[in-house]
């Protein structure tokens, strides 16, 4: 079992934020977070692009930079594995393992508006291929994306994650679940650690621990929060001509001085 997987303890969840570049990764690691994960949307934003527009090589280069920046385990958001077929997903995972990542997530979303979710059988084959390619010590998180694509069918989502468990996924993830009832139903229906995405309306960390959740991530939330602060500062300067944003900027200065000390 990998050191990263050991951090996944139901009832004592690993709180794992998602930095969007090496600098934010170093700040979060210096704050004491025990593991980090990349965010496809957050990284795409640094390139001035929407989520889903990053290539495999761009994502892996970015992930390698985050790995080099910190001394804690890093998992990568690999979207759909940058391939439809299991062979292509396996190729992506092998490349991901080679850059020093501790794990990666693979979605069952196709990226196509007309057909957003892979069929259950193909999706499970893709997870199995990812697990086989990962080898020992590399943690595969299988994601069921129904709730992010207007398919809020909890029973089908759980059935998919059960198939991904059978395919060998070490962690299971259904982003978009927000209620205690939904999360409890998922946790009680599988035998693998469950990750929950911290969205508005999701129970607090202590409540998620009581529900048996093993990991909590933020997706693009922190990256968007940073952009929100940028918008607030820009509006203040543009519309009012004042510099109150420096109060928050000083907090950032202190954080970077603490994190970028070597």
Protein backbone atom coordinates (compact mmCIF):
# COMPACT_ATOMS: atom_id res chain seq x y z
CA UNK A 1 0.00 0.00 0.00
CA UNK A 2 1.31 3.47 -0.87
CA UNK A 3 2.01 6.20 1.65
CA UNK A 4 -0.55 8.33 -0.20
CA UNK A 5 -3.27 5.70 0.08
CA UNK A 6 -2.47 5.31 3.78
CA UNK A 7 -3.66 8.90 4.27
CA UNK A 8 -7.19 7.90 3.20
CA UNK A 9 -8.93 6.95 6.43
CA UNK A 10 -12.73 6.82 6.57
CA UNK A 11 -13.86 9.00 9.42
CA UNK A 12 -10.55 10.90 9.47
CA UNK A 13 -10.64 12.41 5.98
CA UNK A 14 -7.58 13.65 4.15
CA UNK A 15 -8.29 17.30 3.33
CA UNK A 16 -6.55 17.67 -0.02
CA UNK A 17 -6.75 21.07 -1.74
CA UNK A 18 -6.06 21.68 -5.42
CA UNK A 19 -3.31 24.17 -6.27
CA UNK A 20 -3.21 25.62 -9.77
CA UNK A 21 0.55 26.21 -10.10
CA UNK A 22 3.83 25.52 -8.31
CA UNK A 23 3.58 28.66 -6.18
CA UNK A 24 0.12 27.91 -4.83
CA UNK A 25 1.25 24.32 -4.22
CA UNK A 26 4.16 25.49 -2.10
CA UNK A 27 1.95 27.82 -0.08
CA UNK A 28 -0.57 25.07 0.64
CA UNK A 29 2.12 22.55 1.54
CA UNK A 30 3.75 25.08 3.87
CA UNK A 31 0.39 25.57 5.57
CA UNK A 32 0.42 21.91 6.56
CA UNK A 33 -1.76 20.11 4.03
CA UNK A 34 -0.56 16.52 3.81
CA UNK A 35 -1.29 15.96 0.10
CA UNK A 36 -2.31 17.99 -2.94
CA UNK A 37 -4.05 17.44 -6.25
CA UNK A 38 -3.89 19.36 -9.48
CA UNK A 39 -7.03 20.92 -10.92
CA UNK A 40 -7.74 20.79 -14.64
CA UNK A 41 -9.96 23.87 -14.49
CA UNK A 42 -7.56 25.85 -12.32
CA UNK A 43 -4.59 25.04 -14.52
CA UNK A 44 -6.51 25.82 -17.70
CA UNK A 45 -7.35 29.20 -16.18
CA UNK A 46 -3.65 30.03 -15.83
CA UNK A 47 -3.39 29.56 -19.61
CA UNK A 48 -6.44 31.73 -20.30
CA UNK A 49 -8.51 28.74 -21.41
CA UNK A 50 -11.67 26.99 -20.24
CA UNK A 51 -11.63 23.66 -18.47
CA UNK A 52 -11.26 20.72 -20.82
CA UNK A 53 -8.95 22.50 -23.26
CA UNK A 54 -5.58 21.31 -21.93
CA UNK A 55 -3.62 18.59 -23.73
CA UNK A 56 -2.15 15.50 -22.13
CA UNK A 57 1.40 16.79 -22.44
CA UNK A 58 0.45 20.18 -20.99
CA UNK A 59 -1.29 18.52 -18.05
CA UNK A 60 1.64 16.21 -17.33
CA UNK A 61 4.20 19.00 -17.62
CA UNK A 62 2.14 21.02 -15.18
CA UNK A 63 1.77 18.06 -12.80
CA UNK A 64 5.52 17.46 -12.89
CA UNK A 65 6.13 21.10 -11.92
CA UNK A 66 3.80 20.75 -8.93
CA UNK A 67 5.51 17.50 -7.89
CA UNK A 68 8.91 19.19 -7.99
CA UNK A 69 7.67 22.13 -5.94
CA UNK A 70 6.54 20.20 -2.84
CA UNK A 71 7.49 17.32 -0.57
CA UNK A 72 3.96 15.94 -0.12
CA UNK A 73 2.14 13.43 -2.36
CA UNK A 74 0.50 14.91 -5.44
CA UNK A 75 -2.40 13.39 -7.36
CA UNK A 76 -3.23 14.62 -10.85
CA UNK A 77 -6.56 15.50 -12.38
CA UNK A 78 -6.20 13.66 -15.70
CA UNK A 79 -9.75 14.41 -16.88
CA UNK A 80 -10.87 11.45 -19.03
CA UNK A 81 -7.32 10.19 -19.42
CA UNK A 82 -7.05 12.22 -22.63
CA UNK A 83 -8.35 9.24 -24.58
CA UNK A 84 -11.58 7.40 -25.24
CA UNK A 85 -10.12 3.92 -25.50
CA UNK A 86 -8.60 1.96 -22.59
CA UNK A 87 -5.24 1.72 -24.34
CA UNK A 88 -4.98 5.49 -24.55
CA UNK A 89 -5.95 5.88 -20.89
CA UNK A 90 -3.26 3.37 -19.92
CA UNK A 91 -0.67 5.34 -21.89
CA UNK A 92 -1.61 8.51 -20.02
CA UNK A 93 -1.37 6.81 -16.63
CA UNK A 94 2.06 5.35 -17.40
CA UNK A 95 3.30 8.81 -18.33
CA UNK A 96 1.75 10.24 -15.15
CA UNK A 97 3.47 7.70 -12.93
CA UNK A 98 6.79 8.50 -14.61
CA UNK A 99 6.73 12.15 -13.49
CA UNK A 100 6.59 11.26 -9.81
CA UNK A 101 2.89 11.59 -9.08
CA UNK A 102 1.38 9.60 -6.23
CA UNK A 103 -1.87 9.03 -8.08
CA UNK A 104 -4.38 10.36 -10.58
CA UNK A 105 -8.11 10.58 -11.19
CA UNK A 106 -9.86 9.31 -14.30
CA UNK A 107 -13.34 10.56 -15.23
CA UNK A 108 -16.09 8.73 -17.05
CA UNK A 109 -17.06 11.95 -18.87
CA UNK A 110 -16.39 12.02 -22.59
CA UNK A 111 -16.00 15.77 -23.01
CA UNK A 112 -18.71 15.72 -25.70
CA UNK A 113 -21.91 17.70 -25.19
CA UNK A 114 -24.01 15.29 -27.27
CA UNK A 115 -22.87 12.17 -25.39
CA UNK A 116 -21.31 13.31 -22.09
CA UNK A 117 -20.85 9.99 -20.23
CA UNK A 118 -19.17 6.79 -21.43
CA UNK A 119 -21.24 3.63 -21.34
CA UNK A 120 -20.81 1.78 -18.06
CA UNK A 121 -18.97 -1.20 -19.57
CA UNK A 122 -16.44 0.93 -21.46
CA UNK A 123 -16.01 3.21 -18.44
CA UNK A 124 -15.13 0.21 -16.27
CA UNK A 125 -12.68 -1.07 -18.90
CA UNK A 126 -11.00 2.32 -18.89
CA UNK A 127 -10.59 2.18 -15.11
CA UNK A 128 -9.19 -1.34 -15.28
CA UNK A 129 -6.68 -0.23 -17.90
CA UNK A 130 -5.64 2.70 -15.71
CA UNK A 131 -5.13 0.42 -12.71
CA UNK A 132 -3.10 -2.10 -14.72
CA UNK A 133 -0.91 0.66 -16.13
CA UNK A 134 -0.38 2.32 -12.75
CA UNK A 135 1.32 -0.61 -11.10
CA UNK A 136 1.83 -0.76 -7.34
CA UNK A 137 1.94 2.37 -5.24
CA UNK A 138 0.11 4.64 -7.70
CA UNK A 139 -3.44 5.43 -6.56
CA UNK A 140 -6.20 5.51 -9.17
CA UNK A 141 -9.27 7.53 -8.27
CA UNK A 142 -12.27 6.65 -10.44
CA UNK A 143 -14.77 9.45 -10.97
CA UNK A 144 -18.47 9.09 -11.84
CA UNK A 145 -19.47 12.39 -13.43
CA UNK A 146 -23.25 12.02 -13.70
CA UNK A 147 -24.10 14.81 -11.28
CA UNK A 148 -21.90 17.31 -13.15
CA UNK A 149 -23.70 16.56 -16.43
CA UNK A 150 -27.35 16.91 -15.48
CA UNK A 151 -27.78 13.23 -14.72
CA UNK A 152 -28.55 13.28 -10.97
CA UNK A 153 -29.28 9.57 -10.73
CA UNK A 154 -27.76 8.45 -7.44
CA UNK A 155 -28.50 4.76 -7.95
CA UNK A 156 -26.76 4.70 -11.33
CA UNK A 157 -23.85 6.72 -9.98
CA UNK A 158 -23.34 4.27 -7.13
CA UNK A 159 -23.66 1.31 -9.51
CA UNK A 160 -20.95 2.82 -11.70
CA UNK A 161 -18.61 3.35 -8.77
CA UNK A 162 -19.20 -0.22 -7.65
CA UNK A 163 -18.10 -1.37 -11.12
CA UNK A 164 -15.02 0.87 -10.90
CA UNK A 165 -14.24 -0.66 -7.51
CA UNK A 166 -14.42 -4.12 -9.09
CA UNK A 167 -12.11 -2.84 -11.83
CA UNK A 168 -9.49 -2.06 -9.18
CA UNK A 169 -9.87 1.64 -8.42
CA UNK A 170 -8.46 2.43 -4.98
CA UNK A 171 -10.51 5.61 -4.40
CA UNK A 172 -14.03 6.46 -5.60
CA UNK A 173 -15.38 9.92 -6.37
CA UNK A 174 -18.73 11.31 -7.50
CA UNK A 175 -18.32 15.09 -7.75
CA UNK A 176 -21.59 16.94 -7.37
CA UNK A 177 -23.05 15.01 -4.45
CA UNK A 178 -24.00 17.63 -1.88
CA UNK A 179 -26.35 16.19 0.73
CA UNK A 180 -25.54 14.03 3.72
CA UNK A 181 -28.09 11.48 2.51
CA UNK A 182 -26.42 11.13 -0.89
CA UNK A 183 -22.93 10.88 0.59
CA UNK A 184 -24.00 8.40 3.26
CA UNK A 185 -25.62 6.20 0.63
CA UNK A 186 -22.45 6.15 -1.45
CA UNK A 187 -20.09 5.49 1.44
CA UNK A 188 -22.24 2.61 2.70
CA UNK A 189 -22.46 1.05 -0.77
CA UNK A 190 -18.74 0.67 -1.56
CA UNK A 191 -15.64 -0.80 0.07
CA UNK A 192 -13.12 1.82 -1.02
CA UNK A 193 -12.24 5.29 0.31
CA UNK A 194 -14.63 7.95 -0.96
CA UNK A 195 -13.60 11.45 -2.01
CA UNK A 196 -16.09 14.32 -1.73
CA UNK A 197 -15.83 17.60 -3.61
CA UNK A 198 -16.28 20.57 -1.26
CA UNK A 199 -19.05 22.55 -2.95
CA UNK A 200 -21.59 25.04 -1.58
CA UNK A 201 -24.13 23.09 0.45
CA UNK A 202 -21.82 20.14 1.17
CA UNK A 203 -21.66 19.23 4.89
CA UNK A 204 -18.71 20.62 6.85
CA UNK A 205 -15.52 18.60 7.21
CA UNK A 206 -16.47 17.33 10.66
CA UNK A 207 -19.83 16.12 9.35
CA UNK A 208 -18.22 14.43 6.37
CA UNK A 209 -15.92 12.62 8.79
CA UNK A 210 -18.96 11.32 10.66
CA UNK A 211 -20.36 10.07 7.35
CA UNK A 212 -17.22 7.98 6.78
CA UNK A 213 -15.69 10.09 4.01
CA UNK A 214 -11.96 9.43 3.52
CA UNK A 215 -10.89 12.40 1.38
CA UNK A 216 -12.09 15.93 0.64
CA UNK A 217 -10.89 18.03 -2.30
CA UNK A 218 -11.82 21.48 -3.60
CA UNK A 219 -11.51 21.12 -7.38
CA UNK A 220 -11.11 24.54 -8.97
CA UNK A 221 -12.57 26.23 -5.88
CA UNK A 222 -9.35 27.75 -4.55
CA UNK A 223 -8.25 28.88 -8.02
CA UNK A 224 -11.60 30.57 -8.57
CA UNK A 225 -11.42 32.14 -5.11
CA UNK A 226 -8.04 33.61 -6.03
CA UNK A 227 -9.49 35.00 -9.25
CA UNK A 228 -12.40 36.36 -7.25
CA UNK A 229 -9.93 38.29 -5.08
CA UNK A 230 -8.29 39.57 -8.24
CA UNK A 231 -11.64 40.81 -9.55
CA UNK A 232 -12.39 42.54 -6.25
CA UNK A 233 -9.00 44.26 -6.25
CA UNK A 234 -9.37 45.28 -9.88
CA UNK A 235 -12.82 46.72 -9.32
CA UNK A 236 -11.65 48.66 -6.27
CA UNK A 237 -8.79 50.24 -8.18
CA UNK A 238 -10.78 50.85 -11.36
CA UNK A 239 -14.02 52.08 -9.83
CA UNK A 240 -12.91 53.69 -6.57
CA UNK A 241 -9.21 54.46 -7.01
CA UNK A 242 -8.39 53.03 -3.59
CA UNK A 243 -5.94 50.40 -2.41
CA UNK A 244 -7.73 48.42 0.26
CA UNK A 245 -6.73 45.22 -1.50
CA UNK A 246 -3.31 45.60 0.12
CA UNK A 247 -4.75 44.28 3.38
CA UNK A 248 -5.30 40.91 1.70
CA UNK A 249 -2.11 41.27 -0.31
CA UNK A 250 -0.10 41.44 2.91
CA UNK A 251 -1.55 38.07 3.90
CA UNK A 252 -0.31 36.73 0.57
CA UNK A 253 3.10 38.29 1.10
CA UNK A 254 3.44 36.62 4.50
CA UNK A 255 2.38 33.27 3.05
CA UNK A 256 4.84 33.40 0.17
CA UNK A 257 7.69 34.49 2.43
CA UNK A 258 7.00 31.48 4.65
CA UNK A 259 6.65 29.07 1.72
CA UNK A 260 9.43 30.34 -0.57
CA UNK A 261 12.19 30.43 2.03
CA UNK A 262 14.81 28.27 0.26
